[in-house]
Amino acid sequence: MPGRDRKASRASLASPRRRFPLVRPPRGLWVEVERGFHVGNERGLFLGSVKAADPEPGYHAFGPTSEHIGWFDELEAAKVAVVAASAVSAPGELTH
């Protein structure tokens, strides 16, 4: 019996690996529509916007219904926050 168990465990280890599709989180397409004002879109869905803070350095991030998400030192950090907020508010719409 012990020999059989060993063979069975080896067989299960030798079976081919299953491949799962890689699902990437939405990143959005970003366009600077006017100086310091960026809007994000993911497959036709408006993600939100990022506006340069003036006169101080930094960026204000806004969600798809213009709710203020936060203030960020870096443009990329503000964009990531907008995408993350959109993914939380509408997960089914962004993962099609």
N, C-alpha and C. Protein backbone atom coordinates (compact mmCIF):
# COMPACT_ATOMS: atom_id res chain seq x y z
N MET A 1 0.79 -1.20 0.00
CA MET A 1 0.00 0.00 0.00
C MET A 1 0.84 1.27 0.00
N PRO A 2 1.90 1.33 0.82
CA PRO A 2 2.67 2.57 0.83
C PRO A 2 3.25 2.90 -0.54
N GLY A 3 3.62 1.91 -1.32
CA GLY A 3 4.16 2.16 -2.66
C GLY A 3 3.14 2.80 -3.57
N ARG A 4 1.90 2.38 -3.43
CA ARG A 4 0.82 2.95 -4.24
C ARG A 4 0.62 4.43 -3.93
N ASP A 5 0.61 4.77 -2.67
CA ASP A 5 0.42 6.16 -2.26
C ASP A 5 1.52 7.05 -2.83
N ARG A 6 2.73 6.54 -2.80
CA ARG A 6 3.85 7.30 -3.32
C ARG A 6 3.69 7.54 -4.82
N LYS A 7 3.27 6.53 -5.56
CA LYS A 7 3.07 6.67 -7.01
C LYS A 7 1.94 7.66 -7.30
N ALA A 8 0.88 7.59 -6.53
CA ALA A 8 -0.25 8.50 -6.74
C ALA A 8 0.18 9.95 -6.50
N SER A 9 0.96 10.19 -5.47
CA SER A 9 1.39 11.56 -5.18
C SER A 9 2.33 12.07 -6.26
N ARG A 10 3.17 11.19 -6.79
CA ARG A 10 4.06 11.60 -7.88
C ARG A 10 3.25 11.93 -9.13
N ALA A 11 2.23 11.15 -9.40
CA ALA A 11 1.41 11.38 -10.58
C ALA A 11 0.71 12.74 -10.49
N SER A 12 0.23 13.09 -9.31
CA SER A 12 -0.45 14.37 -9.18
C SER A 12 0.52 15.54 -9.34
N LEU A 13 1.77 15.34 -8.93
CA LEU A 13 2.76 16.39 -9.10
C LEU A 13 3.19 16.54 -10.55
N ALA A 14 3.11 15.47 -11.30
CA ALA A 14 3.55 15.50 -12.69
C ALA A 14 2.47 15.99 -13.64
N SER A 15 1.24 16.17 -13.16
CA SER A 15 0.17 16.60 -14.05
C SER A 15 0.45 18.01 -14.56
N PRO A 16 0.01 18.30 -15.78
CA PRO A 16 0.29 19.63 -16.35
C PRO A 16 -0.36 20.73 -15.52
N ARG A 17 0.31 21.86 -15.46
CA ARG A 17 -0.23 23.00 -14.72
C ARG A 17 -1.37 23.62 -15.49
N ARG A 18 -2.35 24.06 -14.76
CA ARG A 18 -3.45 24.76 -15.39
C ARG A 18 -3.05 26.22 -15.57
N ARG A 19 -3.44 26.76 -16.67
CA ARG A 19 -3.13 28.16 -16.95
C ARG A 19 -4.37 29.00 -16.74
N PHE A 20 -4.21 30.07 -16.01
CA PHE A 20 -5.31 30.98 -15.74
C PHE A 20 -5.02 32.29 -16.45
N PRO A 21 -6.05 32.91 -17.01
CA PRO A 21 -5.80 34.18 -17.70
C PRO A 21 -5.37 35.26 -16.71
N LEU A 22 -4.47 36.10 -17.16
CA LEU A 22 -4.00 37.20 -16.35
C LEU A 22 -5.02 38.32 -16.43
N VAL A 23 -5.54 38.72 -15.29
CA VAL A 23 -6.50 39.82 -15.25
C VAL A 23 -5.78 41.04 -14.72
N ARG A 24 -5.70 42.06 -15.51
CA ARG A 24 -5.02 43.28 -15.11
C ARG A 24 -6.03 44.30 -14.61
N PRO A 25 -5.68 45.02 -13.58
CA PRO A 25 -6.58 46.07 -13.11
C PRO A 25 -6.65 47.19 -14.14
N PRO A 26 -7.74 47.91 -14.19
CA PRO A 26 -7.84 48.99 -15.17
C PRO A 26 -6.82 50.09 -14.87
N ARG A 27 -6.20 50.61 -15.90
CA ARG A 27 -5.24 51.70 -15.74
C ARG A 27 -5.78 52.99 -16.32
N GLY A 28 -6.61 52.86 -17.29
CA GLY A 28 -7.22 54.03 -17.90
C GLY A 28 -6.34 54.68 -18.97
N LEU A 29 -7.00 55.36 -19.86
CA LEU A 29 -6.35 56.19 -20.86
C LEU A 29 -6.49 57.62 -20.35
N TRP A 30 -5.39 58.29 -20.19
CA TRP A 30 -5.39 59.64 -19.63
C TRP A 30 -5.04 60.66 -20.70
N VAL A 31 -5.82 61.76 -20.73
CA VAL A 31 -5.60 62.83 -21.70
C VAL A 31 -5.59 64.16 -20.95
N GLU A 32 -4.62 64.98 -21.28
CA GLU A 32 -4.59 66.33 -20.72
C GLU A 32 -5.42 67.22 -21.64
N VAL A 33 -6.65 67.52 -21.22
CA VAL A 33 -7.57 68.25 -22.09
C VAL A 33 -7.30 69.75 -22.08
N GLU A 34 -6.73 70.24 -21.01
CA GLU A 34 -6.21 71.60 -20.97
C GLU A 34 -5.06 71.60 -19.98
N ARG A 35 -4.26 72.62 -20.01
CA ARG A 35 -3.05 72.62 -19.17
C ARG A 35 -3.40 72.37 -17.70
N GLY A 36 -2.84 71.27 -17.16
CA GLY A 36 -3.02 70.92 -15.75
C GLY A 36 -4.31 70.18 -15.44
N PHE A 37 -5.11 69.86 -16.45
CA PHE A 37 -6.38 69.15 -16.22
C PHE A 37 -6.39 67.86 -17.04
N HIS A 38 -6.38 66.72 -16.35
CA HIS A 38 -6.31 65.41 -16.99
C HIS A 38 -7.60 64.64 -16.73
N VAL A 39 -8.09 63.93 -17.75
CA VAL A 39 -9.27 63.09 -17.58
C VAL A 39 -8.92 61.65 -17.93
N GLY A 40 -9.54 60.72 -17.20
CA GLY A 40 -9.27 59.30 -17.41
C GLY A 40 -10.48 58.57 -17.94
N ASN A 41 -10.22 57.61 -18.82
CA ASN A 41 -11.26 56.83 -19.45
C ASN A 41 -10.77 55.38 -19.53
N GLU A 42 -11.66 54.44 -19.26
CA GLU A 42 -11.32 53.01 -19.38
C GLU A 42 -12.44 52.32 -20.16
N ARG A 43 -12.14 51.95 -21.40
CA ARG A 43 -13.11 51.27 -22.26
C ARG A 43 -14.45 52.00 -22.33
N GLY A 44 -14.38 53.31 -22.51
CA GLY A 44 -15.59 54.10 -22.66
C GLY A 44 -16.23 54.55 -21.36
N LEU A 45 -15.67 54.17 -20.24
CA LEU A 45 -16.20 54.55 -18.93
C LEU A 45 -15.35 55.68 -18.36
N PHE A 46 -15.99 56.79 -18.00
CA PHE A 46 -15.28 57.92 -17.42
C PHE A 46 -14.82 57.55 -16.01
N LEU A 47 -13.50 57.63 -15.76
CA LEU A 47 -12.94 57.27 -14.46
C LEU A 47 -12.93 58.44 -13.49
N GLY A 48 -12.62 59.62 -13.99
CA GLY A 48 -12.50 60.79 -13.15
C GLY A 48 -11.47 61.74 -13.73
N SER A 49 -11.03 62.67 -12.91
CA SER A 49 -10.10 63.68 -13.41
C SER A 49 -9.06 64.03 -12.35
N VAL A 50 -8.01 64.67 -12.82
CA VAL A 50 -6.93 65.15 -11.95
C VAL A 50 -6.64 66.58 -12.38
N LYS A 51 -6.61 67.48 -11.41
CA LYS A 51 -6.35 68.89 -11.68
C LYS A 51 -5.14 69.34 -10.90
N ALA A 52 -4.25 70.03 -11.59
CA ALA A 52 -3.07 70.58 -10.92
C ALA A 52 -3.51 71.62 -9.91
N ALA A 53 -2.95 71.54 -8.71
CA ALA A 53 -3.25 72.53 -7.68
C ALA A 53 -2.50 73.80 -8.03
N ASP A 54 -3.20 74.92 -7.94
CA ASP A 54 -2.56 76.18 -8.30
C ASP A 54 -2.85 77.20 -7.22
N PRO A 55 -1.92 77.83 -6.64
CA PRO A 55 -0.53 78.02 -7.03
C PRO A 55 0.42 77.00 -6.40
N GLU A 56 -0.01 76.25 -5.38
CA GLU A 56 0.90 75.30 -4.73
C GLU A 56 1.12 74.07 -5.61
N PRO A 57 2.25 73.38 -5.44
CA PRO A 57 2.49 72.17 -6.23
C PRO A 57 1.60 71.03 -5.73
N GLY A 58 1.26 70.14 -6.61
CA GLY A 58 0.45 68.99 -6.25
C GLY A 58 -0.76 68.86 -7.16
N TYR A 59 -1.58 67.83 -6.87
CA TYR A 59 -2.72 67.51 -7.74
C TYR A 59 -3.92 67.10 -6.90
N HIS A 60 -5.09 67.55 -7.34
CA HIS A 60 -6.35 67.14 -6.73
C HIS A 60 -6.96 66.07 -7.62
N ALA A 61 -7.39 64.97 -7.02
CA ALA A 61 -8.01 63.87 -7.77
C ALA A 61 -9.51 63.87 -7.51
N PHE A 62 -10.29 63.64 -8.57
CA PHE A 62 -11.75 63.63 -8.49
C PHE A 62 -12.28 62.36 -9.14
N GLY A 63 -13.32 61.78 -8.56
CA GLY A 63 -13.95 60.58 -9.09
C GLY A 63 -14.89 60.89 -10.24
N PRO A 64 -15.60 59.87 -10.74
CA PRO A 64 -16.45 60.04 -11.91
C PRO A 64 -17.65 60.96 -11.69
N THR A 65 -18.04 61.19 -10.45
CA THR A 65 -19.14 62.12 -10.17
C THR A 65 -18.62 63.40 -9.53
N SER A 66 -17.36 63.70 -9.78
CA SER A 66 -16.67 64.91 -9.31
C SER A 66 -16.43 64.95 -7.80
N GLU A 67 -16.57 63.82 -7.11
CA GLU A 67 -16.25 63.80 -5.68
C GLU A 67 -14.74 63.89 -5.51
N HIS A 68 -14.32 64.65 -4.52
CA HIS A 68 -12.89 64.85 -4.27
C HIS A 68 -12.33 63.60 -3.61
N ILE A 69 -11.33 62.99 -4.24
CA ILE A 69 -10.70 61.78 -3.71
C ILE A 69 -9.56 62.13 -2.78
N GLY A 70 -8.77 63.14 -3.16
CA GLY A 70 -7.65 63.52 -2.33
C GLY A 70 -6.68 64.42 -3.04
N TRP A 71 -5.65 64.83 -2.30
CA TRP A 71 -4.60 65.69 -2.83
C TRP A 71 -3.31 64.87 -2.84
N PHE A 72 -2.54 64.99 -3.91
CA PHE A 72 -1.34 64.17 -4.10
C PHE A 72 -0.18 65.02 -4.57
N ASP A 73 1.01 64.64 -4.15
CA ASP A 73 2.23 65.33 -4.58
C ASP A 73 2.56 65.05 -6.04
N GLU A 74 2.28 63.84 -6.48
CA GLU A 74 2.65 63.40 -7.83
C GLU A 74 1.42 63.15 -8.70
N LEU A 75 1.54 63.47 -9.98
CA LEU A 75 0.46 63.26 -10.94
C LEU A 75 0.09 61.78 -11.03
N GLU A 76 1.09 60.91 -11.13
CA GLU A 76 0.82 59.47 -11.26
C GLU A 76 0.08 58.91 -10.04
N ALA A 77 0.43 59.38 -8.86
CA ALA A 77 -0.26 58.92 -7.65
C ALA A 77 -1.73 59.34 -7.68
N ALA A 78 -2.01 60.53 -8.17
CA ALA A 78 -3.39 61.00 -8.28
C ALA A 78 -4.17 60.15 -9.28
N LYS A 79 -3.55 59.82 -10.41
CA LYS A 79 -4.20 58.98 -11.41
C LYS A 79 -4.50 57.59 -10.86
N VAL A 80 -3.56 57.01 -10.13
CA VAL A 80 -3.75 55.69 -9.53
C VAL A 80 -4.92 55.73 -8.55
N ALA A 81 -5.03 56.80 -7.78
CA ALA A 81 -6.13 56.93 -6.82
C ALA A 81 -7.47 57.02 -7.52
N VAL A 82 -7.53 57.73 -8.64
CA VAL A 82 -8.77 57.83 -9.41
C VAL A 82 -9.17 56.46 -9.94
N VAL A 83 -8.23 55.75 -10.51
CA VAL A 83 -8.52 54.41 -11.04
C VAL A 83 -8.97 53.48 -9.92
N ALA A 84 -8.29 53.52 -8.79
CA ALA A 84 -8.65 52.66 -7.66
C ALA A 84 -10.05 52.99 -7.14
N ALA A 85 -10.37 54.27 -7.04
CA ALA A 85 -11.70 54.67 -6.57
C ALA A 85 -12.77 54.23 -7.55
N SER A 86 -12.49 54.29 -8.84
CA SER A 86 -13.46 53.85 -9.84
C SER A 86 -13.66 52.35 -9.79
N ALA A 87 -12.59 51.60 -9.57
CA ALA A 87 -12.68 50.14 -9.49
C ALA A 87 -13.50 49.72 -8.28
N VAL A 88 -13.40 50.44 -7.19
CA VAL A 88 -14.15 50.13 -5.97
C VAL A 88 -15.61 50.46 -6.17
N SER A 89 -15.90 51.59 -6.82
CA SER A 89 -17.28 52.03 -6.95
C SER A 89 -18.05 51.25 -8.01
N ALA A 90 -17.37 50.70 -9.02
CA ALA A 90 -18.07 49.98 -10.08
C ALA A 90 -17.25 48.80 -10.57
N PRO A 91 -17.01 47.77 -9.74
CA PRO A 91 -16.12 46.68 -10.16
C PRO A 91 -16.62 45.92 -11.36
N GLY A 92 -17.90 45.68 -11.49
CA GLY A 92 -18.41 44.91 -12.61
C GLY A 92 -18.24 45.61 -13.94
N GLU A 93 -18.35 46.92 -13.94
CA GLU A 93 -18.27 47.68 -15.18
C GLU A 93 -16.85 47.73 -15.72
N LEU A 94 -15.85 47.69 -14.86
CA LEU A 94 -14.48 47.85 -15.31
C LEU A 94 -13.81 46.54 -15.66
N THR A 95 -14.38 45.42 -15.31
CA THR A 95 -13.69 44.16 -15.53
C THR A 95 -14.23 43.39 -16.72
N HIS A 96 -15.10 43.98 -17.53
CA HIS A 96 -15.64 43.27 -18.72
C HIS A 96 -14.57 43.03 -19.72
